[in-house]
Amino acid sequence: MGINMTKALATLINEMTFQERKEVETFAAFIISRRNFDKDYLVTNDVQVNELIEVVSDSGSFNWLNNDEEDIYLLNDGEEVQWAR
């Protein structure tokens, strides 16, 4: 599966440290998961989505994503998906 990105984005990513790249990867995953929400809305009557995200971010629940042992795949691993028609 190829990744198409602008030259500017590729340059910026290439200039990042490993840790900075992991942060961008985590943020990209968050952006994609956010597609399921029609708009920001109240999760409960008291907590807004952005406040909940902050609580989860500060909790350390996703710190395992920074573990090098979890980084077992490379961009060239696997094969392009063949969609059935």
PDB file of N, CA and C in Angstrom:
ATOM      1  N   MET A   1       0.853  -1.164   0.000  1.00  0.00           N
ATOM      2  CA  MET A   1       0.000   0.000   0.000  1.00  0.00           C
ATOM      3  C   MET A   1       0.904   1.235   0.000  1.00  0.00           C
ATOM      4  N   GLY A   2       0.774   2.062  -1.004  1.00  0.00           N
ATOM      5  CA  GLY A   2       1.597   3.255  -1.093  1.00  0.00           C
ATOM      6  C   GLY A   2       1.006   4.403  -0.317  1.00  0.00           C
ATOM      7  N   ILE A   3       1.872   5.272   0.149  1.00  0.00           N
ATOM      8  CA  ILE A   3       1.428   6.462   0.863  1.00  0.00           C
ATOM      9  C   ILE A   3       1.815   7.666   0.020  1.00  0.00           C
ATOM     10  N   ASN A   4       0.825   8.446  -0.391  1.00  0.00           N
ATOM     11  CA  ASN A   4       1.085   9.656  -1.151  1.00  0.00           C
ATOM     12  C   ASN A   4       0.996  10.837  -0.203  1.00  0.00           C
ATOM     13  N   MET A   5       2.068  11.608  -0.150  1.00  0.00           N
ATOM     14  CA  MET A   5       2.056  12.802   0.679  1.00  0.00           C
ATOM     15  C   MET A   5       2.790  13.899  -0.066  1.00  0.00           C
ATOM     16  N   THR A   6       2.534  15.114   0.320  1.00  0.00           N
ATOM     17  CA  THR A   6       3.211  16.224  -0.323  1.00  0.00           C
ATOM     18  C   THR A   6       4.696  16.185   0.006  1.00  0.00           C
ATOM     19  N   LYS A   7       5.482  16.814  -0.845  1.00  0.00           N
ATOM     20  CA  LYS A   7       6.928  16.881  -0.593  1.00  0.00           C
ATOM     21  C   LYS A   7       7.204  17.626   0.707  1.00  0.00           C
ATOM     22  N   ALA A   8       6.412  18.663   0.984  1.00  0.00           N
ATOM     23  CA  ALA A   8       6.613  19.441   2.211  1.00  0.00           C
ATOM     24  C   ALA A   8       6.384  18.569   3.441  1.00  0.00           C
ATOM     25  N   LEU A   9       5.315  17.761   3.419  1.00  0.00           N
ATOM     26  CA  LEU A   9       5.033  16.887   4.550  1.00  0.00           C
ATOM     27  C   LEU A   9       6.125  15.836   4.701  1.00  0.00           C
ATOM     28  N   ALA A  10       6.549  15.253   3.585  1.00  0.00           N
ATOM     29  CA  ALA A  10       7.606  14.242   3.629  1.00  0.00           C
ATOM     30  C   ALA A  10       8.893  14.836   4.198  1.00  0.00           C
ATOM     31  N   THR A  11       9.214  16.061   3.806  1.00  0.00           N
ATOM     32  CA  THR A  11      10.422  16.728   4.318  1.00  0.00           C
ATOM     33  C   THR A  11      10.321  16.941   5.819  1.00  0.00           C
ATOM     34  N   LEU A  12       9.174  17.422   6.272  1.00  0.00           N
ATOM     35  CA  LEU A  12       8.993  17.659   7.703  1.00  0.00           C
ATOM     36  C   LEU A  12       9.105  16.366   8.501  1.00  0.00           C
ATOM     37  N   ILE A  13       8.466  15.317   8.019  1.00  0.00           N
ATOM     38  CA  ILE A  13       8.505  14.034   8.729  1.00  0.00           C
ATOM     39  C   ILE A  13       9.930  13.497   8.770  1.00  0.00           C
ATOM     40  N   ASN A  14      10.659  13.639   7.672  1.00  0.00           N
ATOM     41  CA  ASN A  14      12.048  13.173   7.641  1.00  0.00           C
ATOM     42  C   ASN A  14      12.952  13.927   8.604  1.00  0.00           C
ATOM     43  N   GLU A  15      12.590  15.147   8.946  1.00  0.00           N
ATOM     44  CA  GLU A  15      13.390  15.950   9.872  1.00  0.00           C
ATOM     45  C   GLU A  15      13.058  15.662  11.334  1.00  0.00           C
ATOM     46  N   MET A  16      11.995  14.893  11.583  1.00  0.00           N
ATOM     47  CA  MET A  16      11.553  14.617  12.949  1.00  0.00           C
ATOM     48  C   MET A  16      12.383  13.514  13.597  1.00  0.00           C
ATOM     49  N   THR A  17      12.410  13.573  14.920  1.00  0.00           N
ATOM     50  CA  THR A  17      13.021  12.484  15.687  1.00  0.00           C
ATOM     51  C   THR A  17      12.058  11.307  15.697  1.00  0.00           C
ATOM     52  N   PHE A  18      12.542  10.155  16.118  1.00  0.00           N
ATOM     53  CA  PHE A  18      11.685   8.967  16.209  1.00  0.00           C
ATOM     54  C   PHE A  18      10.479   9.252  17.103  1.00  0.00           C
ATOM     55  N   GLN A  19      10.704   9.878  18.245  1.00  0.00           N
ATOM     56  CA  GLN A  19       9.615  10.165  19.179  1.00  0.00           C
ATOM     57  C   GLN A  19       8.595  11.117  18.555  1.00  0.00           C
ATOM     58  N   GLU A  20       9.063  12.115  17.829  1.00  0.00           N
ATOM     59  CA  GLU A  20       8.143  13.049  17.174  1.00  0.00           C
ATOM     60  C   GLU A  20       7.312  12.331  16.107  1.00  0.00           C
ATOM     61  N   ARG A  21       7.923  11.413  15.390  1.00  0.00           N
ATOM     62  CA  ARG A  21       7.176  10.648  14.389  1.00  0.00           C
ATOM     63  C   ARG A  21       6.099   9.799  15.050  1.00  0.00           C
ATOM     64  N   LYS A  22       6.411   9.210  16.205  1.00  0.00           N
ATOM     65  CA  LYS A  22       5.415   8.419  16.932  1.00  0.00           C
ATOM     66  C   LYS A  22       4.243   9.300  17.361  1.00  0.00           C
ATOM     67  N   GLU A  23       4.530  10.537  17.773  1.00  0.00           N
ATOM     68  CA  GLU A  23       3.460  11.455  18.172  1.00  0.00           C
ATOM     69  C   GLU A  23       2.570  11.787  16.979  1.00  0.00           C
ATOM     70  N   VAL A  24       3.175  12.012  15.822  1.00  0.00           N
ATOM     71  CA  VAL A  24       2.400  12.296  14.613  1.00  0.00           C
ATOM     72  C   VAL A  24       1.552  11.085  14.248  1.00  0.00           C
ATOM     73  N   GLU A  25       2.118   9.891  14.379  1.00  0.00           N
ATOM     74  CA  GLU A  25       1.378   8.660  14.087  1.00  0.00           C
ATOM     75  C   GLU A  25       0.163   8.529  15.003  1.00  0.00           C
ATOM     76  N   THR A  26       0.348   8.809  16.286  1.00  0.00           N
ATOM     77  CA  THR A  26      -0.754   8.732  17.245  1.00  0.00           C
ATOM     78  C   THR A  26      -1.824   9.769  16.922  1.00  0.00           C
ATOM     79  N   PHE A  27      -1.391  10.970  16.576  1.00  0.00           N
ATOM     80  CA  PHE A  27      -2.343  12.021  16.235  1.00  0.00           C
ATOM     81  C   PHE A  27      -3.111  11.663  14.962  1.00  0.00           C
ATOM     82  N   ALA A  28      -2.425  11.094  13.971  1.00  0.00           N
ATOM     83  CA  ALA A  28      -3.091  10.687  12.731  1.00  0.00           C
ATOM     84  C   ALA A  28      -4.148   9.624  13.013  1.00  0.00           C
ATOM     85  N   ALA A  29      -3.831   8.674  13.887  1.00  0.00           N
ATOM     86  CA  ALA A  29      -4.803   7.642  14.259  1.00  0.00           C
ATOM     87  C   ALA A  29      -6.016   8.276  14.929  1.00  0.00           C
ATOM     88  N   PHE A  30      -5.788   9.281  15.763  1.00  0.00           N
ATOM     89  CA  PHE A  30      -6.888   9.994  16.412  1.00  0.00           C
ATOM     90  C   PHE A  30      -7.754  10.700  15.379  1.00  0.00           C
ATOM     91  N   ILE A  31      -7.128  11.377  14.421  1.00  0.00           N
ATOM     92  CA  ILE A  31      -7.869  12.097  13.381  1.00  0.00           C
ATOM     93  C   ILE A  31      -8.768  11.126  12.611  1.00  0.00           C
ATOM     94  N   ILE A  32      -8.221   9.965  12.250  1.00  0.00           N
ATOM     95  CA  ILE A  32      -8.996   8.980  11.492  1.00  0.00           C
ATOM     96  C   ILE A  32     -10.148   8.430  12.331  1.00  0.00           C
ATOM     97  N   SER A  33      -9.890   8.143  13.601  1.00  0.00           N
ATOM     98  CA  SER A  33     -10.958   7.603  14.453  1.00  0.00           C
ATOM     99  C   SER A  33     -12.069   8.618  14.660  1.00  0.00           C
ATOM    100  N   ARG A  34     -11.741   9.895  14.570  1.00  0.00           N
ATOM    101  CA  ARG A  34     -12.705  10.970  14.764  1.00  0.00           C
ATOM    102  C   ARG A  34     -13.739  11.031  13.638  1.00  0.00           C
ATOM    103  N   ARG A  35     -13.468  10.379  12.514  1.00  0.00           N
ATOM    104  CA  ARG A  35     -14.415  10.384  11.389  1.00  0.00           C
ATOM    105  C   ARG A  35     -15.772   9.826  11.783  1.00  0.00           C
ATOM    106  N   ASN A  36     -15.802   8.976  12.781  1.00  0.00           N
ATOM    107  CA  ASN A  36     -17.057   8.359  13.201  1.00  0.00           C
ATOM    108  C   ASN A  36     -17.982   9.331  13.927  1.00  0.00           C
ATOM    109  N   PHE A  37     -17.468  10.473  14.318  1.00  0.00           N
ATOM    110  CA  PHE A  37     -18.278  11.467  15.006  1.00  0.00           C
ATOM    111  C   PHE A  37     -18.818  12.462  13.989  1.00  0.00           C
ATOM    112  N   ASP A  38     -20.105  12.710  14.041  1.00  0.00           N
ATOM    113  CA  ASP A  38     -20.701  13.706  13.146  1.00  0.00           C
ATOM    114  C   ASP A  38     -20.211  15.105  13.493  1.00  0.00           C
ATOM    115  N   LYS A  39     -20.044  15.354  14.765  1.00  0.00           N
ATOM    116  CA  LYS A  39     -19.593  16.664  15.246  1.00  0.00           C
ATOM    117  C   LYS A  39     -19.204  16.488  16.706  1.00  0.00           C
ATOM    118  N   ASP A  40     -18.566  17.502  17.263  1.00  0.00           N
ATOM    119  CA  ASP A  40     -18.294  17.455  18.696  1.00  0.00           C
ATOM    120  C   ASP A  40     -19.631  17.444  19.428  1.00  0.00           C
ATOM    121  N   TYR A  41     -19.749  16.600  20.394  1.00  0.00           N
ATOM    122  CA  TYR A  41     -20.993  16.521  21.137  1.00  0.00           C
ATOM    123  C   TYR A  41     -20.666  16.144  22.580  1.00  0.00           C
ATOM    124  N   LEU A  42     -21.633  16.256  23.433  1.00  0.00           N
ATOM    125  CA  LEU A  42     -21.437  15.904  24.817  1.00  0.00           C
ATOM    126  C   LEU A  42     -21.517  14.391  24.975  1.00  0.00           C
ATOM    127  N   VAL A  43     -20.488  13.801  25.572  1.00  0.00           N
ATOM    128  CA  VAL A  43     -20.488  12.366  25.826  1.00  0.00           C
ATOM    129  C   VAL A  43     -21.450  12.071  26.963  1.00  0.00           C
ATOM    130  N   THR A  44     -21.419  12.899  27.951  1.00  0.00           N
ATOM    131  CA  THR A  44     -22.398  12.833  29.035  1.00  0.00           C
ATOM    132  C   THR A  44     -22.936  14.249  29.184  1.00  0.00           C
ATOM    133  N   ASN A  45     -23.771  14.452  30.133  1.00  0.00           N
ATOM    134  CA  ASN A  45     -24.289  15.793  30.352  1.00  0.00           C
ATOM    135  C   ASN A  45     -23.232  16.739  30.902  1.00  0.00           C
ATOM    136  N   ASP A  46     -22.136  16.180  31.422  1.00  0.00           N
ATOM    137  CA  ASP A  46     -21.157  17.015  32.100  1.00  0.00           C
ATOM    138  C   ASP A  46     -19.812  17.134  31.390  1.00  0.00           C
ATOM    139  N   VAL A  47     -19.440  16.166  30.542  1.00  0.00           N
ATOM    140  CA  VAL A  47     -18.093  16.134  29.982  1.00  0.00           C
ATOM    141  C   VAL A  47     -18.138  16.299  28.466  1.00  0.00           C
ATOM    142  N   GLN A  48     -17.420  17.299  27.958  1.00  0.00           N
ATOM    143  CA  GLN A  48     -17.348  17.492  26.516  1.00  0.00           C
ATOM    144  C   GLN A  48     -16.259  16.593  25.934  1.00  0.00           C
ATOM    145  N   VAL A  49     -16.353  16.312  24.648  1.00  0.00           N
ATOM    146  CA  VAL A  49     -15.422  15.410  23.982  1.00  0.00           C
ATOM    147  C   VAL A  49     -13.980  15.872  24.167  1.00  0.00           C
ATOM    148  N   ASN A  50     -13.703  17.150  23.962  1.00  0.00           N
ATOM    149  CA  ASN A  50     -12.324  17.622  24.088  1.00  0.00           C
ATOM    150  C   ASN A  50     -11.794  17.455  25.511  1.00  0.00           C
ATOM    151  N   GLU A  51     -12.646  17.581  26.508  1.00  0.00           N
ATOM    152  CA  GLU A  51     -12.214  17.365  27.889  1.00  0.00           C
ATOM    153  C   GLU A  51     -11.933  15.887  28.137  1.00  0.00           C
ATOM    154  N   LEU A  52     -12.770  15.021  27.580  1.00  0.00           N
ATOM    155  CA  LEU A  52     -12.564  13.580  27.716  1.00  0.00           C
ATOM    156  C   LEU A  52     -11.265  13.156  27.041  1.00  0.00           C
ATOM    157  N   ILE A  53     -10.996  13.705  25.864  1.00  0.00           N
ATOM    158  CA  ILE A  53      -9.748  13.398  25.157  1.00  0.00           C
ATOM    159  C   ILE A  53      -8.549  13.813  25.999  1.00  0.00           C
ATOM    160  N   GLU A  54      -8.627  14.955  26.625  1.00  0.00           N
ATOM    161  CA  GLU A  54      -7.526  15.424  27.482  1.00  0.00           C
ATOM    162  C   GLU A  54      -7.313  14.479  28.660  1.00  0.00           C
ATOM    163  N   VAL A  55      -8.396  14.033  29.277  1.00  0.00           N
ATOM    164  CA  VAL A  55      -8.294  13.107  30.406  1.00  0.00           C
ATOM    165  C   VAL A  55      -7.637  11.801  29.961  1.00  0.00           C
ATOM    166  N   VAL A  56      -8.087  11.269  28.828  1.00  0.00           N
ATOM    167  CA  VAL A  56      -7.523  10.016  28.324  1.00  0.00           C
ATOM    168  C   VAL A  56      -6.057  10.203  27.962  1.00  0.00           C
ATOM    169  N   SER A  57      -5.723  11.318  27.316  1.00  0.00           N
ATOM    170  CA  SER A  57      -4.327  11.585  26.934  1.00  0.00           C
ATOM    171  C   SER A  57      -3.419  11.661  28.150  1.00  0.00           C
ATOM    172  N   ASP A  58      -3.885  12.317  29.200  1.00  0.00           N
ATOM    173  CA  ASP A  58      -3.070  12.505  30.399  1.00  0.00           C
ATOM    174  C   ASP A  58      -3.012  11.253  31.272  1.00  0.00           C
ATOM    175  N   SER A  59      -3.886  10.285  31.010  1.00  0.00           N
ATOM    176  CA  SER A  59      -3.952   9.103  31.869  1.00  0.00           C
ATOM    177  C   SER A  59      -2.792   8.137  31.667  1.00  0.00           C
ATOM    178  N   GLY A  60      -2.146   8.214  30.509  1.00  0.00           N
ATOM    179  CA  GLY A  60      -1.056   7.283  30.218  1.00  0.00           C
ATOM    180  C   GLY A  60      -1.542   5.951  29.672  1.00  0.00           C
ATOM    181  N   SER A  61      -2.833   5.826  29.409  1.00  0.00           N
ATOM    182  CA  SER A  61      -3.395   4.564  28.932  1.00  0.00           C
ATOM    183  C   SER A  61      -2.823   4.112  27.595  1.00  0.00           C
ATOM    184  N   PHE A  62      -2.334   5.057  26.816  1.00  0.00           N
ATOM    185  CA  PHE A  62      -1.808   4.716  25.502  1.00  0.00           C
ATOM    186  C   PHE A  62      -0.287   4.806  25.435  1.00  0.00           C
ATOM    187  N   ASN A  63       0.369   4.865  26.595  1.00  0.00           N
ATOM    188  CA  ASN A  63       1.826   4.938  26.613  1.00  0.00           C
ATOM    189  C   ASN A  63       2.481   3.731  25.964  1.00  0.00           C
ATOM    190  N   TRP A  64       1.792   2.603  25.940  1.00  0.00           N
ATOM    191  CA  TRP A  64       2.352   1.407  25.320  1.00  0.00           C
ATOM    192  C   TRP A  64       2.625   1.620  23.843  1.00  0.00           C
ATOM    193  N   LEU A  65       1.950   2.589  23.221  1.00  0.00           N
ATOM    194  CA  LEU A  65       2.194   2.868  21.809  1.00  0.00           C
ATOM    195  C   LEU A  65       3.600   3.414  21.569  1.00  0.00           C
ATOM    196  N   ASN A  66       4.214   3.963  22.609  1.00  0.00           N
ATOM    197  CA  ASN A  66       5.574   4.498  22.489  1.00  0.00           C
ATOM    198  C   ASN A  66       6.638   3.426  22.666  1.00  0.00           C
ATOM    199  N   ASN A  67       6.234   2.199  22.991  1.00  0.00           N
ATOM    200  CA  ASN A  67       7.167   1.107  23.214  1.00  0.00           C
ATOM    201  C   ASN A  67       7.722   0.628  21.875  1.00  0.00           C
ATOM    202  N   ASP A  68       9.049   0.614  21.732  1.00  0.00           N
ATOM    203  CA  ASP A  68       9.675   0.180  20.484  1.00  0.00           C
ATOM    204  C   ASP A  68       9.281  -1.240  20.112  1.00  0.00           C
ATOM    205  N   GLU A  69       8.993  -2.077  21.095  1.00  0.00           N
ATOM    206  CA  GLU A  69       8.612  -3.460  20.810  1.00  0.00           C
ATOM    207  C   GLU A  69       7.267  -3.544  20.085  1.00  0.00           C
ATOM    208  N   GLU A  70       6.450  -2.518  20.198  1.00  0.00           N
ATOM    209  CA  GLU A  70       5.163  -2.493  19.503  1.00  0.00           C
ATOM    210  C   GLU A  70       5.331  -2.088  18.043  1.00  0.00           C
ATOM    211  N   ASP A  71       6.479  -1.546  17.696  1.00  0.00           N
ATOM    212  CA  ASP A  71       6.748  -1.043  16.358  1.00  0.00           C
ATOM    213  C   ASP A  71       7.355  -2.159  15.516  1.00  0.00           C
ATOM    214  N   ILE A  72       6.540  -3.171  15.183  1.00  0.00           N
ATOM    215  CA  ILE A  72       7.071  -4.368  14.536  1.00  0.00           C
ATOM    216  C   ILE A  72       6.866  -4.377  13.029  1.00  0.00           C
ATOM    217  N   TYR A  73       6.141  -3.414  12.491  1.00  0.00           N
ATOM    218  CA  TYR A  73       5.876  -3.384  11.061  1.00  0.00           C
ATOM    219  C   TYR A  73       6.553  -2.180  10.423  1.00  0.00           C
ATOM    220  N   LEU A  74       6.955  -2.345   9.191  1.00  0.00           N
ATOM    221  CA  LEU A  74       7.543  -1.264   8.413  1.00  0.00           C
ATOM    222  C   LEU A  74       6.551  -0.840   7.339  1.00  0.00           C
ATOM    223  N   LEU A  75       6.783   0.323   6.730  1.00  0.00           N
ATOM    224  CA  LEU A  75       5.877   0.810   5.700  1.00  0.00           C
ATOM    225  C   LEU A  75       5.777  -0.151   4.522  1.00  0.00           C
ATOM    226  N   ASN A  76       6.842  -0.915   4.251  1.00  0.00           N
ATOM    227  CA  ASN A  76       6.844  -1.821   3.104  1.00  0.00           C
ATOM    228  C   ASN A  76       6.315  -3.212   3.433  1.00  0.00           C
ATOM    229  N   ASP A  77       5.950  -3.490   4.672  1.00  0.00           N
ATOM    230  CA  ASP A  77       5.410  -4.795   5.058  1.00  0.00           C
ATOM    231  C   ASP A  77       4.012  -4.973   4.483  1.00  0.00           C
ATOM    232  N   GLY A  78       3.674  -6.197   4.218  1.00  0.00           N
ATOM    233  CA  GLY A  78       2.318  -6.511   3.776  1.00  0.00           C
ATOM    234  C   GLY A  78       2.131  -6.280   2.290  1.00  0.00           C
ATOM    235  N   GLU A  79       0.903  -6.459   1.868  1.00  0.00           N
ATOM    236  CA  GLU A  79       0.548  -6.295   0.461  1.00  0.00           C
ATOM    237  C   GLU A  79      -0.624  -5.336   0.356  1.00  0.00           C
ATOM    238  N   GLU A  80      -0.755  -4.756  -0.815  1.00  0.00           N
ATOM    239  CA  GLU A  80      -1.867  -3.840  -1.046  1.00  0.00           C
ATOM    240  C   GLU A  80      -3.179  -4.623  -0.975  1.00  0.00           C
ATOM    241  N   VAL A  81      -4.193  -4.001  -0.395  1.00  0.00           N
ATOM    242  CA  VAL A  81      -5.493  -4.639  -0.248  1.00  0.00           C
ATOM    243  C   VAL A  81      -6.155  -4.755  -1.620  1.00  0.00           C
ATOM    244  N   GLN A  82      -6.671  -5.946  -1.903  1.00  0.00           N
ATOM    245  CA  GLN A  82      -7.442  -6.174  -3.137  1.00  0.00           C
ATOM    246  C   GLN A  82      -8.913  -6.223  -2.753  1.00  0.00           C
ATOM    247  N   TRP A  83      -9.668  -5.231  -3.154  1.00  0.00           N
ATOM    248  CA  TRP A  83     -11.074  -5.166  -2.774  1.00  0.00           C
ATOM    249  C   TRP A  83     -11.901  -6.072  -3.679  1.00  0.00           C
ATOM    250  N   ALA A  84     -12.766  -6.845  -3.086  1.00  0.00           N
ATOM    251  CA  ALA A  84     -13.659  -7.737  -3.847  1.00  0.00           C
ATOM    252  C   ALA A  84     -14.780  -6.912  -4.455  1.00  0.00           C
ATOM    253  N   ARG A  85     -15.166  -7.288  -5.618  1.00  0.00           N
ATOM    254  CA  ARG A  85     -16.278  -6.549  -6.280  1.00  0.00           C
ATOM    255  C   ARG A  85     -17.474  -7.409  -6.400  1.00  0.00           C
TER     256      ARG A  85
END
